[in-house]
């Protein structure tokens, strides 16, 4: 298994982060065809939320960009209801997304 990681910028929208990440990947279809034949290729996104019932969408263009590369989209979503934890992180100057 190998992976490519990129820092997620909390001040950007999901789509903007996704676009920046995809722009770093090769676009040639032949490259992705070969990779997908040899590996289980996927994009895993970890989302941490401070409130319940958050929604969002993925544009058709973003879905096309993933599909053109043969990438599965895996969402790993966490809800953190510990308001003290979030307050402590904020006071410590850590970016919370």
PDB file of N, CA and C in Angstrom:
ATOM      1  N   UNK A   1       0.834  -1.170   0.000  1.00  0.00           N
ATOM      2  CA  UNK A   1       0.000   0.000   0.000  1.00  0.00           C
ATOM      3  C   UNK A   1       0.889   1.247   0.000  1.00  0.00           C
ATOM      4  N   UNK A   2       0.473   2.235  -0.757  1.00  0.00           N
ATOM      5  CA  UNK A   2       1.136   3.534  -0.715  1.00  0.00           C
ATOM      6  C   UNK A   2       0.064   4.609  -0.719  1.00  0.00           C
ATOM      7  N   UNK A   3       0.432   5.763  -0.225  1.00  0.00           N
ATOM      8  CA  UNK A   3      -0.554   6.833  -0.151  1.00  0.00           C
ATOM      9  C   UNK A   3       0.096   8.182  -0.374  1.00  0.00           C
ATOM     10  N   UNK A   4      -0.727   9.113  -0.799  1.00  0.00           N
ATOM     11  CA  UNK A   4      -0.324  10.504  -0.956  1.00  0.00           C
ATOM     12  C   UNK A   4      -1.192  11.303   0.008  1.00  0.00           C
ATOM     13  N   UNK A   5      -0.589  12.127   0.806  1.00  0.00           N
ATOM     14  CA  UNK A   5      -1.353  12.941   1.759  1.00  0.00           C
ATOM     15  C   UNK A   5      -1.078  14.409   1.490  1.00  0.00           C
ATOM     16  N   UNK A   6      -2.026  15.216   1.859  1.00  0.00           N
ATOM     17  CA  UNK A   6      -1.866  16.655   1.707  1.00  0.00           C
ATOM     18  C   UNK A   6      -2.516  17.331   2.899  1.00  0.00           C
ATOM     19  N   UNK A   7      -1.966  18.441   3.339  1.00  0.00           N
ATOM     20  CA  UNK A   7      -2.619  19.134   4.452  1.00  0.00           C
ATOM     21  C   UNK A   7      -3.968  19.697   4.005  1.00  0.00           C
ATOM     22  N   UNK A   8      -4.936  19.575   4.867  1.00  0.00           N
ATOM     23  CA  UNK A   8      -6.271  20.098   4.596  1.00  0.00           C
ATOM     24  C   UNK A   8      -6.336  21.500   5.183  1.00  0.00           C
ATOM     25  N   UNK A   9      -6.760  22.453   4.408  1.00  0.00           N
ATOM     26  CA  UNK A   9      -6.828  23.837   4.862  1.00  0.00           C
ATOM     27  C   UNK A   9      -8.250  24.112   5.326  1.00  0.00           C
ATOM     28  N   UNK A  10      -8.415  24.299   6.649  1.00  0.00           N
ATOM     29  CA  UNK A  10      -9.746  24.429   7.234  1.00  0.00           C
ATOM     30  C   UNK A  10     -10.513  25.640   6.716  1.00  0.00           C
ATOM     31  N   UNK A  11      -9.811  26.688   6.318  1.00  0.00           N
ATOM     32  CA  UNK A  11     -10.522  27.891   5.883  1.00  0.00           C
ATOM     33  C   UNK A  11     -11.078  27.757   4.461  1.00  0.00           C
ATOM     34  N   UNK A  12     -10.661  26.720   3.738  1.00  0.00           N
ATOM     35  CA  UNK A  12     -11.171  26.490   2.387  1.00  0.00           C
ATOM     36  C   UNK A  12     -12.373  25.551   2.425  1.00  0.00           C
ATOM     37  N   UNK A  13     -13.223  25.691   1.436  1.00  0.00           N
ATOM     38  CA  UNK A  13     -14.356  24.778   1.289  1.00  0.00           C
ATOM     39  C   UNK A  13     -13.849  23.400   0.853  1.00  0.00           C
ATOM     40  N   UNK A  14     -14.657  22.387   1.076  1.00  0.00           N
ATOM     41  CA  UNK A  14     -14.305  21.022   0.707  1.00  0.00           C
ATOM     42  C   UNK A  14     -13.873  20.933  -0.753  1.00  0.00           C
ATOM     43  N   UNK A  15     -14.669  21.514  -1.643  1.00  0.00           N
ATOM     44  CA  UNK A  15     -14.375  21.451  -3.082  1.00  0.00           C
ATOM     45  C   UNK A  15     -13.034  22.100  -3.414  1.00  0.00           C
ATOM     46  N   UNK A  16     -12.715  23.204  -2.750  1.00  0.00           N
ATOM     47  CA  UNK A  16     -11.442  23.884  -3.009  1.00  0.00           C
ATOM     48  C   UNK A  16     -10.262  23.015  -2.584  1.00  0.00           C
ATOM     49  N   UNK A  17     -10.380  22.382  -1.428  1.00  0.00           N
ATOM     50  CA  UNK A  17      -9.336  21.456  -0.978  1.00  0.00           C
ATOM     51  C   UNK A  17      -9.205  20.281  -1.935  1.00  0.00           C
ATOM     52  N   UNK A  18     -10.333  19.746  -2.360  1.00  0.00           N
ATOM     53  CA  UNK A  18     -10.326  18.619  -3.287  1.00  0.00           C
ATOM     54  C   UNK A  18      -9.666  19.007  -4.609  1.00  0.00           C
ATOM     55  N   UNK A  19     -10.010  20.168  -5.117  1.00  0.00           N
ATOM     56  CA  UNK A  19      -9.426  20.639  -6.382  1.00  0.00           C
ATOM     57  C   UNK A  19      -7.917  20.820  -6.269  1.00  0.00           C
ATOM     58  N   UNK A  20      -7.465  21.397  -5.159  1.00  0.00           N
ATOM     59  CA  UNK A  20      -6.019  21.578  -4.963  1.00  0.00           C
ATOM     60  C   UNK A  20      -5.305  20.225  -4.920  1.00  0.00           C
ATOM     61  N   UNK A  21      -5.910  19.261  -4.251  1.00  0.00           N
ATOM     62  CA  UNK A  21      -5.299  17.932  -4.166  1.00  0.00           C
ATOM     63  C   UNK A  21      -5.250  17.265  -5.539  1.00  0.00           C
ATOM     64  N   UNK A  22      -6.373  17.276  -6.251  1.00  0.00           N
ATOM     65  CA  UNK A  22      -6.423  16.621  -7.561  1.00  0.00           C
ATOM     66  C   UNK A  22      -5.481  17.282  -8.560  1.00  0.00           C
ATOM     67  N   UNK A  23      -5.254  18.571  -8.417  1.00  0.00           N
ATOM     68  CA  UNK A  23      -4.345  19.278  -9.327  1.00  0.00           C
ATOM     69  C   UNK A  23      -2.905  18.784  -9.182  1.00  0.00           C
ATOM     70  N   UNK A  24      -2.575  18.173  -8.064  1.00  0.00           N
ATOM     71  CA  UNK A  24      -1.226  17.661  -7.827  1.00  0.00           C
ATOM     72  C   UNK A  24      -1.025  16.269  -8.430  1.00  0.00           C
ATOM     73  N   UNK A  25      -2.109  15.640  -8.852  1.00  0.00           N
ATOM     74  CA  UNK A  25      -2.033  14.286  -9.390  1.00  0.00           C
ATOM     75  C   UNK A  25      -1.912  14.312 -10.908  1.00  0.00           C
ATOM     76  N   UNK A  26      -1.280  13.281 -11.484  1.00  0.00           N
ATOM     77  CA  UNK A  26      -1.214  13.214 -12.943  1.00  0.00           C
ATOM     78  C   UNK A  26      -2.615  13.091 -13.536  1.00  0.00           C
ATOM     79  N   UNK A  27      -2.796  13.616 -14.736  1.00  0.00           N
ATOM     80  CA  UNK A  27      -4.096  13.575 -15.383  1.00  0.00           C
ATOM     81  C   UNK A  27      -4.170  12.556 -16.510  1.00  0.00           C
ATOM     82  N   UNK A  28      -3.054  12.080 -16.988  1.00  0.00           N
ATOM     83  CA  UNK A  28      -3.052  11.162 -18.141  1.00  0.00           C
ATOM     84  C   UNK A  28      -3.851   9.899 -17.842  1.00  0.00           C
ATOM     85  N   UNK A  29      -4.873   9.629 -18.655  1.00  0.00           N
ATOM     86  CA  UNK A  29      -5.714   8.445 -18.425  1.00  0.00           C
ATOM     87  C   UNK A  29      -4.936   7.138 -18.389  1.00  0.00           C
ATOM     88  N   UNK A  30      -3.904   7.026 -19.212  1.00  0.00           N
ATOM     89  CA  UNK A  30      -3.120   5.783 -19.263  1.00  0.00           C
ATOM     90  C   UNK A  30      -2.463   5.495 -17.901  1.00  0.00           C
ATOM     91  N   UNK A  31      -1.980   6.524 -17.252  1.00  0.00           N
ATOM     92  CA  UNK A  31      -1.359   6.360 -15.925  1.00  0.00           C
ATOM     93  C   UNK A  31      -2.372   5.765 -14.951  1.00  0.00           C
ATOM     94  N   UNK A  32      -3.577   6.336 -14.924  1.00  0.00           N
ATOM     95  CA  UNK A  32      -4.602   5.886 -13.987  1.00  0.00           C
ATOM     96  C   UNK A  32      -5.148   4.515 -14.346  1.00  0.00           C
ATOM     97  N   UNK A  33      -5.238   4.215 -15.618  1.00  0.00           N
ATOM     98  CA  UNK A  33      -5.683   2.889 -16.029  1.00  0.00           C
ATOM     99  C   UNK A  33      -4.734   1.833 -15.481  1.00  0.00           C
ATOM    100  N   UNK A  34      -3.431   2.076 -15.624  1.00  0.00           N
ATOM    101  CA  UNK A  34      -2.434   1.128 -15.126  1.00  0.00           C
ATOM    102  C   UNK A  34      -2.460   1.032 -13.602  1.00  0.00           C
ATOM    103  N   UNK A  35      -2.527   2.190 -12.930  1.00  0.00           N
ATOM    104  CA  UNK A  35      -2.561   2.175 -11.459  1.00  0.00           C
ATOM    105  C   UNK A  35      -3.778   1.414 -10.942  1.00  0.00           C
ATOM    106  N   UNK A  36      -4.935   1.666 -11.544  1.00  0.00           N
ATOM    107  CA  UNK A  36      -6.164   1.017 -11.087  1.00  0.00           C
ATOM    108  C   UNK A  36      -6.184  -0.473 -11.390  1.00  0.00           C
ATOM    109  N   UNK A  37      -5.432  -0.910 -12.403  1.00  0.00           N
ATOM    110  CA  UNK A  37      -5.315  -2.347 -12.678  1.00  0.00           C
ATOM    111  C   UNK A  37      -4.477  -3.025 -11.604  1.00  0.00           C
ATOM    112  N   UNK A  38      -3.450  -2.317 -11.123  1.00  0.00           N
ATOM    113  CA  UNK A  38      -2.515  -2.912 -10.164  1.00  0.00           C
ATOM    114  C   UNK A  38      -2.915  -2.702  -8.710  1.00  0.00           C
ATOM    115  N   UNK A  39      -3.660  -1.633  -8.427  1.00  0.00           N
ATOM    116  CA  UNK A  39      -3.955  -1.258  -7.046  1.00  0.00           C
ATOM    117  C   UNK A  39      -5.439  -0.924  -6.872  1.00  0.00           C
ATOM    118  N   UNK A  40      -5.855  -0.918  -5.626  1.00  0.00           N
ATOM    119  CA  UNK A  40      -7.190  -0.453  -5.261  1.00  0.00           C
ATOM    120  C   UNK A  40      -7.062   1.051  -5.009  1.00  0.00           C
ATOM    121  N   UNK A  41      -7.361   1.851  -6.003  1.00  0.00           N
ATOM    122  CA  UNK A  41      -7.142   3.301  -5.929  1.00  0.00           C
ATOM    123  C   UNK A  41      -8.367   3.998  -5.351  1.00  0.00           C
ATOM    124  N   UNK A  42      -8.126   4.833  -4.362  1.00  0.00           N
ATOM    125  CA  UNK A  42      -9.213   5.542  -3.714  1.00  0.00           C
ATOM    126  C   UNK A  42      -8.722   6.855  -3.120  1.00  0.00           C
ATOM    127  N   UNK A  43      -9.639   7.752  -2.940  1.00  0.00           N
ATOM    128  CA  UNK A  43      -9.376   9.002  -2.238  1.00  0.00           C
ATOM    129  C   UNK A  43     -10.133   8.918  -0.924  1.00  0.00           C
ATOM    130  N   UNK A  44      -9.404   8.943   0.181  1.00  0.00           N
ATOM    131  CA  UNK A  44     -10.016   8.892   1.503  1.00  0.00           C
ATOM    132  C   UNK A  44      -9.991  10.288   2.101  1.00  0.00           C
ATOM    133  N   UNK A  45     -11.159  10.755   2.508  1.00  0.00           N
ATOM    134  CA  UNK A  45     -11.292  12.075   3.118  1.00  0.00           C
ATOM    135  C   UNK A  45     -11.784  11.877   4.543  1.00  0.00           C
ATOM    136  N   UNK A  46     -11.050  12.448   5.502  1.00  0.00           N
ATOM    137  CA  UNK A  46     -11.446  12.394   6.904  1.00  0.00           C
ATOM    138  C   UNK A  46     -12.084  13.733   7.253  1.00  0.00           C
ATOM    139  N   UNK A  47     -13.325  13.665   7.714  1.00  0.00           N
ATOM    140  CA  UNK A  47     -14.056  14.873   8.092  1.00  0.00           C
ATOM    141  C   UNK A  47     -14.348  14.826   9.587  1.00  0.00           C
ATOM    142  N   UNK A  48     -14.015  15.900  10.284  1.00  0.00           N
ATOM    143  CA  UNK A  48     -14.322  16.020  11.707  1.00  0.00           C
ATOM    144  C   UNK A  48     -15.315  17.158  11.862  1.00  0.00           C
ATOM    145  N   UNK A  49     -16.423  16.857  12.538  1.00  0.00           N
ATOM    146  CA  UNK A  49     -17.476  17.858  12.689  1.00  0.00           C
ATOM    147  C   UNK A  49     -17.693  18.179  14.157  1.00  0.00           C
ATOM    148  N   UNK A  50     -18.061  19.417  14.406  1.00  0.00           N
ATOM    149  CA  UNK A  50     -18.358  19.844  15.768  1.00  0.00           C
ATOM    150  C   UNK A  50     -19.851  19.851  16.049  1.00  0.00           C
ATOM    151  N   UNK A  51     -20.686  19.724  15.014  1.00  0.00           N
ATOM    152  CA  UNK A  51     -22.130  19.702  15.214  1.00  0.00           C
ATOM    153  C   UNK A  51     -22.737  18.588  14.373  1.00  0.00           C
ATOM    154  N   UNK A  52     -23.896  18.121  14.802  1.00  0.00           N
ATOM    155  CA  UNK A  52     -24.623  17.095  14.060  1.00  0.00           C
ATOM    156  C   UNK A  52     -25.279  17.700  12.831  1.00  0.00           C
ATOM    157  N   UNK A  53     -25.703  16.836  11.942  1.00  0.00           N
ATOM    158  CA  UNK A  53     -26.520  17.189  10.799  1.00  0.00           C
ATOM    159  C   UNK A  53     -25.865  18.217   9.883  1.00  0.00           C
ATOM    160  N   UNK A  54     -24.634  17.998   9.586  1.00  0.00           N
ATOM    161  CA  UNK A  54     -23.931  18.849   8.622  1.00  0.00           C
ATOM    162  C   UNK A  54     -24.103  18.224   7.243  1.00  0.00           C
ATOM    163  N   UNK A  55     -24.248  19.060   6.250  1.00  0.00           N
ATOM    164  CA  UNK A  55     -24.428  18.557   4.904  1.00  0.00           C
ATOM    165  C   UNK A  55     -23.430  19.194   3.954  1.00  0.00           C
ATOM    166  N   UNK A  56     -23.405  18.691   2.786  1.00  0.00           N
ATOM    167  CA  UNK A  56     -22.523  19.238   1.768  1.00  0.00           C
ATOM    168  C   UNK A  56     -22.827  18.576   0.443  1.00  0.00           C
ATOM    169  N   UNK A  57     -22.095  18.983  -0.534  1.00  0.00           N
ATOM    170  CA  UNK A  57     -22.282  18.380  -1.851  1.00  0.00           C
ATOM    171  C   UNK A  57     -20.951  18.309  -2.568  1.00  0.00           C
ATOM    172  N   UNK A  58     -20.928  17.458  -3.557  1.00  0.00           N
ATOM    173  CA  UNK A  58     -19.762  17.331  -4.416  1.00  0.00           C
ATOM    174  C   UNK A  58     -20.242  17.641  -5.822  1.00  0.00           C
ATOM    175  N   UNK A  59     -19.594  18.578  -6.460  1.00  0.00           N
ATOM    176  CA  UNK A  59     -20.028  19.019  -7.789  1.00  0.00           C
ATOM    177  C   UNK A  59     -19.812  17.934  -8.838  1.00  0.00           C
ATOM    178  N   UNK A  60     -20.501  18.084  -9.929  1.00  0.00           N
ATOM    179  CA  UNK A  60     -20.348  17.170 -11.061  1.00  0.00           C
ATOM    180  C   UNK A  60     -18.910  17.211 -11.570  1.00  0.00           C
ATOM    181  N   UNK A  61     -18.314  18.400 -11.624  1.00  0.00           N
ATOM    182  CA  UNK A  61     -16.924  18.510 -12.088  1.00  0.00           C
ATOM    183  C   UNK A  61     -15.967  17.731 -11.189  1.00  0.00           C
ATOM    184  N   UNK A  62     -16.175  17.800  -9.880  1.00  0.00           N
ATOM    185  CA  UNK A  62     -15.313  17.053  -8.954  1.00  0.00           C
ATOM    186  C   UNK A  62     -15.510  15.556  -9.132  1.00  0.00           C
ATOM    187  N   UNK A  63     -16.757  15.132  -9.309  1.00  0.00           N
ATOM    188  CA  UNK A  63     -17.015  13.706  -9.520  1.00  0.00           C
ATOM    189  C   UNK A  63     -16.394  13.229 -10.829  1.00  0.00           C
ATOM    190  N   UNK A  64     -16.454  14.081 -11.860  1.00  0.00           N
ATOM    191  CA  UNK A  64     -15.815  13.722 -13.133  1.00  0.00           C
ATOM    192  C   UNK A  64     -14.308  13.572 -12.967  1.00  0.00           C
ATOM    193  N   UNK A  65     -13.703  14.490 -12.186  1.00  0.00           N
ATOM    194  CA  UNK A  65     -12.255  14.436 -11.975  1.00  0.00           C
ATOM    195  C   UNK A  65     -11.856  13.145 -11.259  1.00  0.00           C
ATOM    196  N   UNK A  66     -12.651  12.716 -10.290  1.00  0.00           N
ATOM    197  CA  UNK A  66     -12.383  11.452  -9.601  1.00  0.00           C
ATOM    198  C   UNK A  66     -12.607  10.270 -10.538  1.00  0.00           C
ATOM    199  N   UNK A  67     -13.719  10.306 -11.266  1.00  0.00           N
ATOM    200  CA  UNK A  67     -14.057   9.206 -12.175  1.00  0.00           C
ATOM    201  C   UNK A  67     -13.043   9.082 -13.307  1.00  0.00           C
ATOM    202  N   UNK A  68     -12.549  10.204 -13.802  1.00  0.00           N
ATOM    203  CA  UNK A  68     -11.556  10.168 -14.892  1.00  0.00           C
ATOM    204  C   UNK A  68     -10.286   9.451 -14.460  1.00  0.00           C
ATOM    205  N   UNK A  69     -10.011   9.480 -13.181  1.00  0.00           N
ATOM    206  CA  UNK A  69      -8.830   8.810 -12.643  1.00  0.00           C
ATOM    207  C   UNK A  69      -9.161   7.419 -12.106  1.00  0.00           C
ATOM    208  N   UNK A  70     -10.434   7.062 -12.122  1.00  0.00           N
ATOM    209  CA  UNK A  70     -10.842   5.751 -11.606  1.00  0.00           C
ATOM    210  C   UNK A  70     -10.759   5.662 -10.094  1.00  0.00           C
ATOM    211  N   UNK A  71     -10.864   6.801  -9.404  1.00  0.00           N
ATOM    212  CA  UNK A  71     -10.728   6.824  -7.950  1.00  0.00           C
ATOM    213  C   UNK A  71     -12.066   6.635  -7.252  1.00  0.00           C
ATOM    214  N   UNK A  72     -12.073   5.756  -6.262  1.00  0.00           N
ATOM    215  CA  UNK A  72     -13.226   5.628  -5.372  1.00  0.00           C
ATOM    216  C   UNK A  72     -13.135   6.768  -4.361  1.00  0.00           C
ATOM    217  N   UNK A  73     -14.266   7.229  -3.863  1.00  0.00           N
ATOM    218  CA  UNK A  73     -14.286   8.252  -2.824  1.00  0.00           C
ATOM    219  C   UNK A  73     -14.724   7.604  -1.524  1.00  0.00           C
ATOM    220  N   UNK A  74     -13.860   7.670  -0.526  1.00  0.00           N
ATOM    221  CA  UNK A  74     -14.151   7.100   0.785  1.00  0.00           C
ATOM    222  C   UNK A  74     -14.228   8.256   1.780  1.00  0.00           C
ATOM    223  N   UNK A  75     -15.347   8.357   2.484  1.00  0.00           N
ATOM    224  CA  UNK A  75     -15.522   9.406   3.484  1.00  0.00           C
ATOM    225  C   UNK A  75     -15.465   8.782   4.868  1.00  0.00           C
ATOM    226  N   UNK A  76     -14.593   9.308   5.701  1.00  0.00           N
ATOM    227  CA  UNK A  76     -14.434   8.852   7.080  1.00  0.00           C
ATOM    228  C   UNK A  76     -14.876  10.026   7.948  1.00  0.00           C
ATOM    229  N   UNK A  77     -16.091   9.960   8.506  1.00  0.00           N
ATOM    230  CA  UNK A  77     -16.709  11.113   9.166  1.00  0.00           C
ATOM    231  C   UNK A  77     -16.781  10.879  10.667  1.00  0.00           C
ATOM    232  N   UNK A  78     -16.327  11.883  11.419  1.00  0.00           N
ATOM    233  CA  UNK A  78     -16.333  11.821  12.881  1.00  0.00           C
ATOM    234  C   UNK A  78     -17.110  13.002  13.445  1.00  0.00           C
ATOM    235  N   UNK A  79     -17.849  12.754  14.496  1.00  0.00           N
ATOM    236  CA  UNK A  79     -18.511  13.812  15.240  1.00  0.00           C
ATOM    237  C   UNK A  79     -17.849  13.850  16.604  1.00  0.00           C
ATOM    238  N   UNK A  80     -17.390  15.019  16.997  1.00  0.00           N
ATOM    239  CA  UNK A  80     -16.742  15.192  18.294  1.00  0.00           C
ATOM    240  C   UNK A  80     -17.618  16.115  19.137  1.00  0.00           C
ATOM    241  N   UNK A  81     -18.351  15.529  20.069  1.00  0.00           N
ATOM    242  CA  UNK A  81     -19.282  16.325  20.867  1.00  0.00           C
ATOM    243  C   UNK A  81     -18.664  16.880  22.141  1.00  0.00           C
ATOM    244  N   UNK A  82     -17.381  16.772  22.291  1.00  0.00           N
ATOM    245  CA  UNK A  82     -16.717  17.270  23.488  1.00  0.00           C
ATOM    246  C   UNK A  82     -16.349  18.740  23.293  1.00  0.00           C
ATOM    247  N   UNK A  83     -17.219  19.636  23.712  1.00  0.00           N
ATOM    248  CA  UNK A  83     -16.982  21.067  23.517  1.00  0.00           C
ATOM    249  C   UNK A  83     -15.737  21.539  24.267  1.00  0.00           C
ATOM    250  N   UNK A  84     -15.414  20.894  25.370  1.00  0.00           N
ATOM    251  CA  UNK A  84     -14.206  21.260  26.116  1.00  0.00           C
ATOM    252  C   UNK A  84     -12.960  20.969  25.286  1.00  0.00           C
ATOM    253  N   UNK A  85     -12.955  19.836  24.607  1.00  0.00           N
ATOM    254  CA  UNK A  85     -11.828  19.471  23.752  1.00  0.00           C
ATOM    255  C   UNK A  85     -11.622  20.525  22.677  1.00  0.00           C
ATOM    256  N   UNK A  86     -12.695  20.943  22.022  1.00  0.00           N
ATOM    257  CA  UNK A  86     -12.594  21.945  20.960  1.00  0.00           C
ATOM    258  C   UNK A  86     -12.122  23.280  21.532  1.00  0.00           C
ATOM    259  N   UNK A  87     -12.626  23.661  22.693  1.00  0.00           N
ATOM    260  CA  UNK A  87     -12.216  24.927  23.311  1.00  0.00           C
ATOM    261  C   UNK A  87     -10.735  24.880  23.670  1.00  0.00           C
ATOM    262  N   UNK A  88     -10.261  23.749  24.200  1.00  0.00           N
ATOM    263  CA  UNK A  88      -8.849  23.608  24.552  1.00  0.00           C
ATOM    264  C   UNK A  88      -7.959  23.695  23.321  1.00  0.00           C
ATOM    265  N   UNK A  89      -8.368  23.065  22.227  1.00  0.00           N
ATOM    266  CA  UNK A  89      -7.580  23.127  21.002  1.00  0.00           C
ATOM    267  C   UNK A  89      -7.528  24.552  20.477  1.00  0.00           C
ATOM    268  N   UNK A  90      -8.657  25.246  20.559  1.00  0.00           N
ATOM    269  CA  UNK A  90      -8.710  26.627  20.076  1.00  0.00           C
ATOM    270  C   UNK A  90      -7.787  27.526  20.916  1.00  0.00           C
ATOM    271  N   UNK A  91      -7.814  27.345  22.228  1.00  0.00           N
ATOM    272  CA  UNK A  91      -6.951  28.143  23.115  1.00  0.00           C
ATOM    273  C   UNK A  91      -5.475  27.853  22.874  1.00  0.00           C
ATOM    274  N   UNK A  92      -5.170  26.604  22.543  1.00  0.00           N
ATOM    275  CA  UNK A  92      -3.780  26.217  22.324  1.00  0.00           C
ATOM    276  C   UNK A  92      -3.272  26.687  20.969  1.00  0.00           C
ATOM    277  N   UNK A  93      -4.142  27.287  20.172  1.00  0.00           N
ATOM    278  CA  UNK A  93      -3.731  27.791  18.869  1.00  0.00           C
ATOM    279  C   UNK A  93      -3.709  26.759  17.785  1.00  0.00           C
ATOM    280  N   UNK A  94      -4.278  25.596  18.049  1.00  0.00           N
ATOM    281  CA  UNK A  94      -4.320  24.550  17.034  1.00  0.00           C
ATOM    282  C   UNK A  94      -5.496  24.804  16.119  1.00  0.00           C
ATOM    283  N   UNK A  95      -5.292  24.551  14.844  1.00  0.00           N
ATOM    284  CA  UNK A  95      -6.370  24.710  13.867  1.00  0.00           C
ATOM    285  C   UNK A  95      -7.325  23.538  14.010  1.00  0.00           C
ATOM    286  N   UNK A  96      -8.585  23.828  14.138  1.00  0.00           N
ATOM    287  CA  UNK A  96      -9.618  22.805  14.260  1.00  0.00           C
ATOM    288  C   UNK A  96     -10.456  22.858  13.002  1.00  0.00           C
ATOM    289  N   UNK A  97     -10.612  21.726  12.361  1.00  0.00           N
ATOM    290  CA  UNK A  97     -11.424  21.699  11.132  1.00  0.00           C
ATOM    291  C   UNK A  97     -12.574  20.758  11.280  1.00  0.00           C
TER     292      UNK A  97
END
